[in-house]
C-alpha atoms as a PDB file:
ATOM      1  CA  UNK A   1      -4.542 -22.876   1.117  1.00  0.00           C
ATOM      2  CA  UNK A   2      -5.512 -24.028   4.621  1.00  0.00           C
ATOM      3  CA  UNK A   3      -7.730 -20.989   5.122  1.00  0.00           C
ATOM      4  CA  UNK A   4      -9.320 -21.440   1.693  1.00  0.00           C
ATOM      5  CA  UNK A   5     -10.021 -25.073   2.506  1.00  0.00           C
ATOM      6  CA  UNK A   6     -11.622 -23.988   5.782  1.00  0.00           C
ATOM      7  CA  UNK A   7     -13.787 -21.468   3.918  1.00  0.00           C
ATOM      8  CA  UNK A   8     -14.861 -24.222   1.515  1.00  0.00           C
ATOM      9  CA  UNK A   9     -15.745 -26.590   4.366  1.00  0.00           C
ATOM     10  CA  UNK A  10     -17.731 -23.973   6.298  1.00  0.00           C
ATOM     11  CA  UNK A  11     -19.297 -22.156   3.348  1.00  0.00           C
ATOM     12  CA  UNK A  12     -17.654 -18.925   4.496  1.00  0.00           C
ATOM     13  CA  UNK A  13     -17.029 -15.716   2.589  1.00  0.00           C
ATOM     14  CA  UNK A  14     -13.308 -15.256   1.929  1.00  0.00           C
ATOM     15  CA  UNK A  15     -11.395 -12.013   1.364  1.00  0.00           C
ATOM     16  CA  UNK A  16      -7.710 -11.958   0.382  1.00  0.00           C
ATOM     17  CA  UNK A  17      -5.625  -8.878   1.201  1.00  0.00           C
ATOM     18  CA  UNK A  18      -3.339  -8.815  -1.813  1.00  0.00           C
ATOM     19  CA  UNK A  19      -0.994  -6.067  -2.941  1.00  0.00           C
ATOM     20  CA  UNK A  20      -0.023  -3.728  -5.743  1.00  0.00           C
ATOM     21  CA  UNK A  21       3.327  -5.558  -5.685  1.00  0.00           C
ATOM     22  CA  UNK A  22       1.622  -8.089  -7.968  1.00  0.00           C
ATOM     23  CA  UNK A  23       2.314  -5.542 -10.728  1.00  0.00           C
ATOM     24  CA  UNK A  24       6.057  -5.609  -9.993  1.00  0.00           C
ATOM     25  CA  UNK A  25       8.028  -2.826 -11.702  1.00  0.00           C
ATOM     26  CA  UNK A  26       5.245  -1.949 -14.156  1.00  0.00           C
ATOM     27  CA  UNK A  27       5.541  -1.065 -17.815  1.00  0.00           C
ATOM     28  CA  UNK A  28       2.242   0.845 -17.672  1.00  0.00           C
ATOM     29  CA  UNK A  29       0.874   3.530 -15.366  1.00  0.00           C
ATOM     30  CA  UNK A  30      -1.592   3.769 -13.802  1.00  0.00           C
ATOM     31  CA  UNK A  31      -1.909   0.036 -13.201  1.00  0.00           C
ATOM     32  CA  UNK A  32      -5.279  -1.524 -13.980  1.00  0.00           C
ATOM     33  CA  UNK A  33      -6.409  -4.987 -12.932  1.00  0.00           C
ATOM     34  CA  UNK A  34      -6.119  -6.198 -16.528  1.00  0.00           C
ATOM     35  CA  UNK A  35      -2.332  -5.647 -16.450  1.00  0.00           C
ATOM     36  CA  UNK A  36      -0.553  -8.909 -15.640  1.00  0.00           C
ATOM     37  CA  UNK A  37       2.526  -7.316 -14.184  1.00  0.00           C
ATOM     38  CA  UNK A  38       6.284  -7.195 -14.687  1.00  0.00           C
ATOM     39  CA  UNK A  39       7.792  -9.218 -11.848  1.00  0.00           C
ATOM     40  CA  UNK A  40      11.268 -10.685 -11.446  1.00  0.00           C
ATOM     41  CA  UNK A  41      10.460 -14.202 -10.141  1.00  0.00           C
ATOM     42  CA  UNK A  42      13.937 -14.739  -8.644  1.00  0.00           C
ATOM     43  CA  UNK A  43      14.892 -11.229  -7.479  1.00  0.00           C
ATOM     44  CA  UNK A  44      15.318  -9.977  -3.900  1.00  0.00           C
ATOM     45  CA  UNK A  45      11.622  -8.999  -3.703  1.00  0.00           C
ATOM     46  CA  UNK A  46      10.372 -12.156  -5.400  1.00  0.00           C
ATOM     47  CA  UNK A  47       9.348 -14.152  -2.320  1.00  0.00           C
ATOM     48  CA  UNK A  48       6.827 -11.498  -1.319  1.00  0.00           C
ATOM     49  CA  UNK A  49       5.680 -10.706  -4.866  1.00  0.00           C
ATOM     50  CA  UNK A  50       5.259 -14.292  -5.976  1.00  0.00           C
ATOM     51  CA  UNK A  51       3.667 -15.381  -2.694  1.00  0.00           C
ATOM     52  CA  UNK A  52       0.924 -12.810  -3.221  1.00  0.00           C
ATOM     53  CA  UNK A  53       0.516 -13.784  -6.875  1.00  0.00           C
ATOM     54  CA  UNK A  54       0.260 -17.436  -5.858  1.00  0.00           C
ATOM     55  CA  UNK A  55      -2.299 -16.502  -3.182  1.00  0.00           C
ATOM     56  CA  UNK A  56      -4.416 -14.737  -5.805  1.00  0.00           C
ATOM     57  CA  UNK A  57      -4.183 -17.710  -8.183  1.00  0.00           C
ATOM     58  CA  UNK A  58      -5.160 -20.159  -5.448  1.00  0.00           C
ATOM     59  CA  UNK A  59      -8.047 -17.973  -4.306  1.00  0.00           C
ATOM     60  CA  UNK A  60      -9.418 -17.825  -7.850  1.00  0.00           C
ATOM     61  CA  UNK A  61      -9.006 -21.605  -8.191  1.00  0.00           C
ATOM     62  CA  UNK A  62     -11.138 -22.156  -5.073  1.00  0.00           C
ATOM     63  CA  UNK A  63     -13.749 -19.770  -6.425  1.00  0.00           C
ATOM     64  CA  UNK A  64     -13.882 -21.415  -9.842  1.00  0.00           C
ATOM     65  CA  UNK A  65     -13.666 -25.057  -8.803  1.00  0.00           C
ATOM     66  CA  UNK A  66     -15.282 -25.064  -5.349  1.00  0.00           C
ATOM     67  CA  UNK A  67     -17.614 -22.041  -5.673  1.00  0.00           C
ATOM     68  CA  UNK A  68     -16.108 -20.336  -2.609  1.00  0.00           C
ATOM     69  CA  UNK A  69     -17.375 -16.746  -2.293  1.00  0.00           C
ATOM     70  CA  UNK A  70     -13.987 -15.077  -2.652  1.00  0.00           C
ATOM     71  CA  UNK A  71     -12.875 -11.457  -3.032  1.00  0.00           C
ATOM     72  CA  UNK A  72      -9.371 -10.142  -3.780  1.00  0.00           C
ATOM     73  CA  UNK A  73      -8.302  -6.604  -2.906  1.00  0.00           C
ATOM     74  CA  UNK A  74      -5.040  -5.262  -4.314  1.00  0.00           C
ATOM     75  CA  UNK A  75      -3.957  -2.743  -1.690  1.00  0.00           C
ATOM     76  CA  UNK A  76      -1.754   0.179  -2.678  1.00  0.00           C
ATOM     77  CA  UNK A  77       0.314   2.253  -0.225  1.00  0.00           C
ATOM     78  CA  UNK A  78      -1.778   3.027   2.839  1.00  0.00           C
ATOM     79  CA  UNK A  79      -1.034   5.263   5.809  1.00  0.00           C
ATOM     80  CA  UNK A  80      -2.656   6.578   8.964  1.00  0.00           C
ATOM     81  CA  UNK A  81      -2.428   6.719  12.764  1.00  0.00           C
ATOM     82  CA  UNK A  82      -1.125   3.662  14.641  1.00  0.00           C
ATOM     83  CA  UNK A  83       1.446   2.721  12.038  1.00  0.00           C
ATOM     84  CA  UNK A  84       4.715   1.507  13.544  1.00  0.00           C
ATOM     85  CA  UNK A  85       7.647   3.901  13.280  1.00  0.00           C
ATOM     86  CA  UNK A  86       9.988   1.001  12.479  1.00  0.00           C
ATOM     87  CA  UNK A  87       7.927  -0.794   9.839  1.00  0.00           C
ATOM     88  CA  UNK A  88      10.285   0.195   7.018  1.00  0.00           C
ATOM     89  CA  UNK A  89       7.827   2.046   4.780  1.00  0.00           C
ATOM     90  CA  UNK A  90       8.455   5.522   3.394  1.00  0.00           C
ATOM     91  CA  UNK A  91       6.217   7.563   5.690  1.00  0.00           C
ATOM     92  CA  UNK A  92       7.307   6.033   9.033  1.00  0.00           C
ATOM     93  CA  UNK A  93      10.936   6.168   7.908  1.00  0.00           C
ATOM     94  CA  UNK A  94      10.765   9.850   7.024  1.00  0.00           C
ATOM     95  CA  UNK A  95       8.885  10.734  10.212  1.00  0.00           C
ATOM     96  CA  UNK A  96      11.218   8.749  12.474  1.00  0.00           C
ATOM     97  CA  UNK A  97      14.275  10.353  10.904  1.00  0.00           C
ATOM     98  CA  UNK A  98      12.718  13.813  11.244  1.00  0.00           C
ATOM     99  CA  UNK A  99      11.813  13.168  14.896  1.00  0.00           C
ATOM    100  CA  UNK A 100      15.320  11.962  15.741  1.00  0.00           C
ATOM    101  CA  UNK A 101      17.108  14.610  13.683  1.00  0.00           C
ATOM    102  CA  UNK A 102      18.871  12.108  11.442  1.00  0.00           C
ATOM    103  CA  UNK A 103      19.238  12.678   7.677  1.00  0.00           C
ATOM    104  CA  UNK A 104      16.289  11.650   5.528  1.00  0.00           C
ATOM    105  CA  UNK A 105      17.339   8.711   3.350  1.00  0.00           C
ATOM    106  CA  UNK A 106      16.108   9.002  -0.215  1.00  0.00           C
ATOM    107  CA  UNK A 107      16.557   5.902  -2.371  1.00  0.00           C
ATOM    108  CA  UNK A 108      17.766   6.535  -5.901  1.00  0.00           C
ATOM    109  CA  UNK A 109      17.055  10.021  -7.243  1.00  0.00           C
ATOM    110  CA  UNK A 110      13.651  10.205  -5.551  1.00  0.00           C
ATOM    111  CA  UNK A 111      11.841  10.338  -8.893  1.00  0.00           C
ATOM    112  CA  UNK A 112      10.124   6.976  -8.410  1.00  0.00           C
ATOM    113  CA  UNK A 113       6.405   7.502  -7.856  1.00  0.00           C
ATOM    114  CA  UNK A 114       3.926   6.245  -5.297  1.00  0.00           C
ATOM    115  CA  UNK A 115       0.362   7.013  -4.257  1.00  0.00           C
ATOM    116  CA  UNK A 116      -0.851   7.127  -0.656  1.00  0.00           C
ATOM    117  CA  UNK A 117      -4.324   6.158   0.535  1.00  0.00           C
ATOM    118  CA  UNK A 118      -5.592   7.144   3.982  1.00  0.00           C
ATOM    119  CA  UNK A 119      -6.575   4.158   6.103  1.00  0.00           C
ATOM    120  CA  UNK A 120     -10.278   5.025   6.502  1.00  0.00           C
ATOM    121  CA  UNK A 121     -10.645   5.207   2.722  1.00  0.00           C
ATOM    122  CA  UNK A 122      -8.961   1.823   2.368  1.00  0.00           C
ATOM    123  CA  UNK A 123     -11.271   0.229   4.947  1.00  0.00           C
ATOM    124  CA  UNK A 124     -14.328   1.648   3.194  1.00  0.00           C
ATOM    125  CA  UNK A 125     -13.134   0.228  -0.118  1.00  0.00           C
ATOM    126  CA  UNK A 126     -12.333  -3.202   1.323  1.00  0.00           C
ATOM    127  CA  UNK A 127     -15.755  -3.388   2.989  1.00  0.00           C
ATOM    128  CA  UNK A 128     -17.581  -2.402  -0.186  1.00  0.00           C
ATOM    129  CA  UNK A 129     -15.653  -4.997  -2.176  1.00  0.00           C
ATOM    130  CA  UNK A 130     -16.452  -7.676   0.419  1.00  0.00           C
ATOM    131  CA  UNK A 131     -20.167  -6.959   0.039  1.00  0.00           C
ATOM    132  CA  UNK A 132     -20.067  -6.969  -3.771  1.00  0.00           C
ATOM    133  CA  UNK A 133     -20.403  -9.780  -6.280  1.00  0.00           C
ATOM    134  CA  UNK A 134     -16.926  -9.155  -7.704  1.00  0.00           C
ATOM    135  CA  UNK A 135     -14.451 -12.036  -7.443  1.00  0.00           C
ATOM    136  CA  UNK A 136     -11.565 -10.904  -9.640  1.00  0.00           C
ATOM    137  CA  UNK A 137      -8.762  -8.735  -8.160  1.00  0.00           C
ATOM    138  CA  UNK A 138      -9.772  -5.122  -7.515  1.00  0.00           C
ATOM    139  CA  UNK A 139      -7.480  -2.141  -6.879  1.00  0.00           C
ATOM    140  CA  UNK A 140      -8.058  -0.040  -3.765  1.00  0.00           C
ATOM    141  CA  UNK A 141      -5.743   2.958  -3.462  1.00  0.00           C
ATOM    142  CA  UNK A 142      -5.439   6.668  -4.024  1.00  0.00           C
ATOM    143  CA  UNK A 143      -4.848   7.583  -7.701  1.00  0.00           C
ATOM    144  CA  UNK A 144      -2.972  10.815  -6.854  1.00  0.00           C
ATOM    145  CA  UNK A 145       0.591  10.017  -7.948  1.00  0.00           C
ATOM    146  CA  UNK A 146       3.659  11.893  -6.717  1.00  0.00           C
ATOM    147  CA  UNK A 147       7.382  11.298  -6.557  1.00  0.00           C
ATOM    148  CA  UNK A 148       8.952  10.044  -3.352  1.00  0.00           C
ATOM    149  CA  UNK A 149      10.987  13.256  -3.231  1.00  0.00           C
ATOM    150  CA  UNK A 150       7.788  15.336  -3.398  1.00  0.00           C
ATOM    151  CA  UNK A 151       6.279  13.140  -0.704  1.00  0.00           C
ATOM    152  CA  UNK A 152       9.305  13.613   1.567  1.00  0.00           C
ATOM    153  CA  UNK A 153       9.093  17.395   1.161  1.00  0.00           C
ATOM    154  CA  UNK A 154       5.425  17.318   2.171  1.00  0.00           C
ATOM    155  CA  UNK A 155       6.215  15.202   5.228  1.00  0.00           C
ATOM    156  CA  UNK A 156       9.108  17.445   6.275  1.00  0.00           C
ATOM    157  CA  UNK A 157       6.924  20.558   6.018  1.00  0.00           C
ATOM    158  CA  UNK A 158       5.324  19.367   9.278  1.00  0.00           C
ATOM    159  CA  UNK A 159       8.642  19.739  11.149  1.00  0.00           C
ATOM    160  CA  UNK A 160      10.174  23.071  12.097  1.00  0.00           C
ATOM    161  CA  UNK A 161      13.785  21.818  12.113  1.00  0.00           C
ATOM    162  CA  UNK A 162      13.660  19.119   9.465  1.00  0.00           C
ATOM    163  CA  UNK A 163      16.968  17.372   8.724  1.00  0.00           C
ATOM    164  CA  UNK A 164      18.521  17.349   5.269  1.00  0.00           C
ATOM    165  CA  UNK A 165      17.761  14.757   2.601  1.00  0.00           C
ATOM    166  CA  UNK A 166      20.573  12.427   1.543  1.00  0.00           C
ATOM    167  CA  UNK A 167      20.509  10.085  -1.457  1.00  0.00           C
ATOM    168  CA  UNK A 168      21.407   6.392  -1.265  1.00  0.00           C
ATOM    169  CA  UNK A 169      21.430   3.646  -3.923  1.00  0.00           C
ATOM    170  CA  UNK A 170      18.047   2.379  -5.121  1.00  0.00           C
ATOM    171  CA  UNK A 171      17.352  -1.248  -4.051  1.00  0.00           C
ATOM    172  CA  UNK A 172      17.239  -3.833  -6.829  1.00  0.00           C
ATOM    173  CA  UNK A 173      13.811  -4.270  -8.482  1.00  0.00           C
ATOM    174  CA  UNK A 174      12.351  -1.307  -6.599  1.00  0.00           C
ATOM    175  CA  UNK A 175       9.290  -0.226  -8.645  1.00  0.00           C
ATOM    176  CA  UNK A 176       9.754   3.017 -10.584  1.00  0.00           C
ATOM    177  CA  UNK A 177       6.033   3.756 -10.713  1.00  0.00           C
ATOM    178  CA  UNK A 178       3.089   2.834  -8.534  1.00  0.00           C
ATOM    179  CA  UNK A 179      -0.364   4.305  -9.119  1.00  0.00           C
ATOM    180  CA  UNK A 180      -3.733   2.541  -9.105  1.00  0.00           C
ATOM    181  CA  UNK A 181      -6.368   2.722 -11.779  1.00  0.00           C
ATOM    182  CA  UNK A 182      -9.493   2.704  -9.575  1.00  0.00           C
ATOM    183  CA  UNK A 183     -12.068   2.957 -12.358  1.00  0.00           C
ATOM    184  CA  UNK A 184     -13.245  -0.590 -11.635  1.00  0.00           C
ATOM    185  CA  UNK A 185     -13.967   0.128  -7.952  1.00  0.00           C
ATOM    186  CA  UNK A 186     -15.760   3.346  -8.946  1.00  0.00           C
ATOM    187  CA  UNK A 187     -17.897   1.519 -11.501  1.00  0.00           C
ATOM    188  CA  UNK A 188     -18.751  -1.545  -9.426  1.00  0.00           C
ATOM    189  CA  UNK A 189     -19.466  -0.069  -6.000  1.00  0.00           C
ATOM    190  CA  UNK A 190     -19.011   3.683  -6.202  1.00  0.00           C
ATOM    191  CA  UNK A 191     -15.772   3.863  -4.250  1.00  0.00           C
ATOM    192  CA  UNK A 192     -13.098   6.534  -4.394  1.00  0.00           C
ATOM    193  CA  UNK A 193     -10.865   8.147  -1.721  1.00  0.00           C
ATOM    194  CA  UNK A 194     -12.223  11.090   0.275  1.00  0.00           C
ATOM    195  CA  UNK A 195      -9.273  12.120   2.491  1.00  0.00           C
ATOM    196  CA  UNK A 196      -6.694  14.327   0.778  1.00  0.00           C
ATOM    197  CA  UNK A 197      -2.999  13.864   1.473  1.00  0.00           C
ATOM    198  CA  UNK A 198      -2.455  17.027   3.518  1.00  0.00           C
ATOM    199  CA  UNK A 199      -5.312  16.261   5.916  1.00  0.00           C
ATOM    200  CA  UNK A 200      -4.263  12.634   6.274  1.00  0.00           C
ATOM    201  CA  UNK A 201      -0.617  13.525   6.831  1.00  0.00           C
ATOM    202  CA  UNK A 202      -1.452  16.029   9.564  1.00  0.00           C
ATOM    203  CA  UNK A 203      -3.486  13.491  11.559  1.00  0.00           C
ATOM    204  CA  UNK A 204      -0.872  10.772  11.072  1.00  0.00           C
ATOM    205  CA  UNK A 205       2.184  12.891  11.876  1.00  0.00           C
ATOM    206  CA  UNK A 206       0.466  14.398  14.940  1.00  0.00           C
ATOM    207  CA  UNK A 207      -0.074  10.832  16.151  1.00  0.00           C
ATOM    208  CA  UNK A 208       3.588   9.966  15.564  1.00  0.00           C
ATOM    209  CA  UNK A 209       4.756  13.075  17.411  1.00  0.00           C
ATOM    210  CA  UNK A 210       2.536  12.299  20.402  1.00  0.00           C
ATOM    211  CA  UNK A 211       3.678   8.669  20.596  1.00  0.00           C
ATOM    212  CA  UNK A 212       7.324   9.644  20.204  1.00  0.00           C
ATOM    213  CA  UNK A 213       7.030  12.200  23.027  1.00  0.00           C
ATOM    214  CA  UNK A 214       5.412   9.597  25.307  1.00  0.00           C
ATOM    215  CA  UNK A 215       8.215   7.139  24.577  1.00  0.00           C
ATOM    216  CA  UNK A 216      10.881   9.713  25.361  1.00  0.00           C
ATOM    217  CA  UNK A 217       9.112  10.772  28.569  1.00  0.00           C
ATOM    218  CA  UNK A 218       8.893   7.180  29.843  1.00  0.00           C
ATOM    219  CA  UNK A 219      12.646   6.589  29.579  1.00  0.00           C
END
């Protein structure tokens, strides 16, 4: 709210980095911007989910009532070089475990789905949205959906001595499906991802391997 107030005072353009978590554990797939979501407001993920939903609501209020030039991007899973190995997301987790030879932890049965957008595609989409006249939330992500188990297998194919996969309980309220409907971004400003998963994974995992080797060498 402070940053929105500053944008109002200065007449600045305002872009909110929101999230696909606004859809919660969805009842529909792929998720379009017209879907209002299925979110547990008091669950273990609720602080993050509801904070983003509140941020979107406040941003739209400033646009409607104060005419602030706002834009809202709903970001789906993104990956690429310079991610942190300890940031807790699926790709860094799998890579770190593969690099250290520890078992790959798979939550639930691994059948939950995600989609993964390469970082340069995300940046292109965010920039195009920022230059558009669209003020309502807009999905930016890769619409290629695959299970987390399939994703882990693809990641592990980049390692010659990949450790085994073990299954652990699924966290409460973990979304079963996550896939963006990007038809709005295509229609409004001609955006869609260009980098396929195999090419993006190779660049990203090569980066991780190089950084991991440097860290080991400096010890």
